[in-house]
Protein backbone atom coordinates (compact mmCIF):
# COMPACT_ATOMS: atom_id res chain seq x y z
CA UNK A 1 1.60 -22.89 -19.20
CA UNK A 2 4.35 -22.78 -20.93
CA UNK A 3 5.24 -19.54 -19.89
CA UNK A 4 5.85 -20.67 -16.26
CA UNK A 5 8.24 -23.63 -17.97
CA UNK A 6 9.92 -20.65 -19.40
CA UNK A 7 10.21 -18.46 -15.82
CA UNK A 8 11.30 -21.50 -14.31
CA UNK A 9 13.62 -21.98 -16.62
CA UNK A 10 15.47 -18.99 -16.05
CA UNK A 11 15.38 -18.51 -12.52
CA UNK A 12 17.34 -22.16 -12.84
CA UNK A 13 20.36 -20.58 -14.89
CA UNK A 14 20.31 -17.10 -13.04
CA UNK A 15 23.28 -17.42 -10.08
CA UNK A 16 22.46 -17.47 -6.76
CA UNK A 17 24.37 -13.65 -6.76
CA UNK A 18 22.17 -12.73 -9.53
CA UNK A 19 18.55 -13.72 -8.16
CA UNK A 20 19.63 -12.07 -4.91
CA UNK A 21 20.25 -9.15 -6.94
CA UNK A 22 16.32 -9.19 -8.52
CA UNK A 23 15.19 -9.68 -5.21
CA UNK A 24 17.05 -6.11 -4.03
CA UNK A 25 15.62 -4.80 -6.62
CA UNK A 26 11.65 -6.15 -6.82
CA UNK A 27 12.03 -4.69 -2.79
CA UNK A 28 13.22 -1.64 -4.10
CA UNK A 29 9.91 -1.34 -6.21
CA UNK A 30 8.10 -2.16 -4.36
CA UNK A 31 9.09 0.48 -1.57
CA UNK A 32 8.69 3.20 -4.25
CA UNK A 33 5.40 1.69 -5.07
CA UNK A 34 4.13 1.40 -1.11
CA UNK A 35 5.87 5.56 -1.32
CA UNK A 36 3.71 6.25 -4.25
CA UNK A 37 0.58 4.63 -2.71
CA UNK A 38 1.10 6.49 0.31
CA UNK A 39 1.95 10.15 -1.29
CA UNK A 40 -2.28 9.35 -2.97
CA UNK A 41 -3.41 8.53 0.18
CA UNK A 42 -2.52 11.62 2.22
CA UNK A 43 -3.69 13.09 -0.75
CA UNK A 44 -6.73 11.69 0.11
CA UNK A 45 -6.57 12.64 3.20
CA UNK A 46 -6.25 15.98 2.42
CA UNK A 47 -8.85 15.95 0.30
CA UNK A 48 -11.88 13.64 3.18
CA UNK A 49 -10.18 16.49 5.59
CA UNK A 50 -11.12 19.48 3.65
CA UNK A 51 -14.62 18.45 2.96
CA UNK A 52 -15.03 16.75 6.64
CA UNK A 53 -15.38 13.54 5.49
CA UNK A 54 -14.39 10.44 8.06
CA UNK A 55 -11.15 9.23 7.75
CA UNK A 56 -12.33 5.45 8.09
CA UNK A 57 -14.03 4.37 4.68
CA UNK A 58 -15.62 1.02 5.23
CA UNK A 59 -17.23 0.44 1.72
CA UNK A 60 -13.77 1.99 0.60
CA UNK A 61 -11.84 -0.57 2.74
CA UNK A 62 -13.74 -3.59 1.57
CA UNK A 63 -13.35 -2.64 -2.35
CA UNK A 64 -9.57 -2.46 -1.72
CA UNK A 65 -9.98 -5.89 -0.22
CA UNK A 66 -11.80 -7.27 -3.07
CA UNK A 67 -9.56 -6.02 -5.02
CA UNK A 68 -5.96 -7.39 -3.46
CA UNK A 69 -7.98 -10.61 -3.23
CA UNK A 70 -8.64 -10.28 -7.71
CA UNK A 71 -4.58 -9.52 -7.91
CA UNK A 72 -3.61 -12.80 -5.62
CA UNK A 73 -5.55 -14.55 -7.72
CA UNK A 74 -4.52 -13.21 -10.76
CA UNK A 75 -0.82 -13.64 -10.34
CA UNK A 76 -1.41 -16.46 -8.48
CA UNK A 77 -0.53 -15.29 -4.67
CA UNK A 78 -1.59 -16.50 -1.76
CA UNK A 79 -5.05 -13.89 -1.23
CA UNK A 80 -4.64 -14.74 3.29
CA UNK A 81 -1.17 -12.92 2.49
CA UNK A 82 -1.52 -10.03 0.21
CA UNK A 83 -4.87 -8.82 1.99
CA UNK A 84 -2.98 -9.12 5.40
CA UNK A 85 -0.48 -6.80 3.75
CA UNK A 86 -3.01 -4.52 2.57
CA UNK A 87 -4.80 -4.78 5.98
CA UNK A 88 -1.58 -3.49 7.46
CA UNK A 89 -1.77 -0.63 4.50
CA UNK A 90 -4.71 0.91 5.47
CA UNK A 91 -4.52 0.67 9.17
CA UNK A 92 -0.50 2.64 8.24
CA UNK A 93 -3.29 5.38 6.46
CA UNK A 94 -5.24 5.32 9.46
CA UNK A 95 -2.74 6.52 11.80
CA UNK A 96 -1.02 8.40 9.34
CA UNK A 97 -4.14 10.46 8.89
CA UNK A 98 -5.45 10.95 12.18
CA UNK A 99 -2.23 11.56 13.45
CA UNK A 100 -2.43 14.85 10.58
CA UNK A 101 -5.22 15.48 12.04
CA UNK A 102 -4.42 15.72 15.64
CA UNK A 103 -1.48 17.85 13.87
CA UNK A 104 -3.54 20.51 12.48
CA UNK A 105 -6.36 20.20 14.83
CA UNK A 106 -3.26 21.50 17.78
CA UNK A 107 -2.18 24.02 14.85
CA UNK A 108 -5.95 25.93 14.20
CA UNK A 109 -6.28 25.75 18.24
CA UNK A 110 -2.68 27.19 18.05
CA UNK A 111 -3.31 30.23 15.44
CA UNK A 112 -6.44 31.41 16.46
CA UNK A 113 -5.02 32.01 20.31
CA UNK A 114 -3.18 34.35 18.50
């Protein structure tokens, strides 16, 4: 708990502008990590497509949600909030995967007609 006291003391000493700068930096890092995660998810979608696998993998989704809950506990963040964020990320990735598959299907149809 000593670390918590130190962190609390540090933030108490920071000005409002410094704290807002810190939030801006954290927000940028979050967006960067979402971009990295999306890139990897898109790559996975390509592998699934190449292997003829389904977009949805309920076992993998459950594992992601379990990890999200474990990480929330580890960092003492509300697990329901973290899981809601991960559900959204998963759903957005699935939508993107379906969209990409539809576009590839249309392109494939168009190419075969030539």
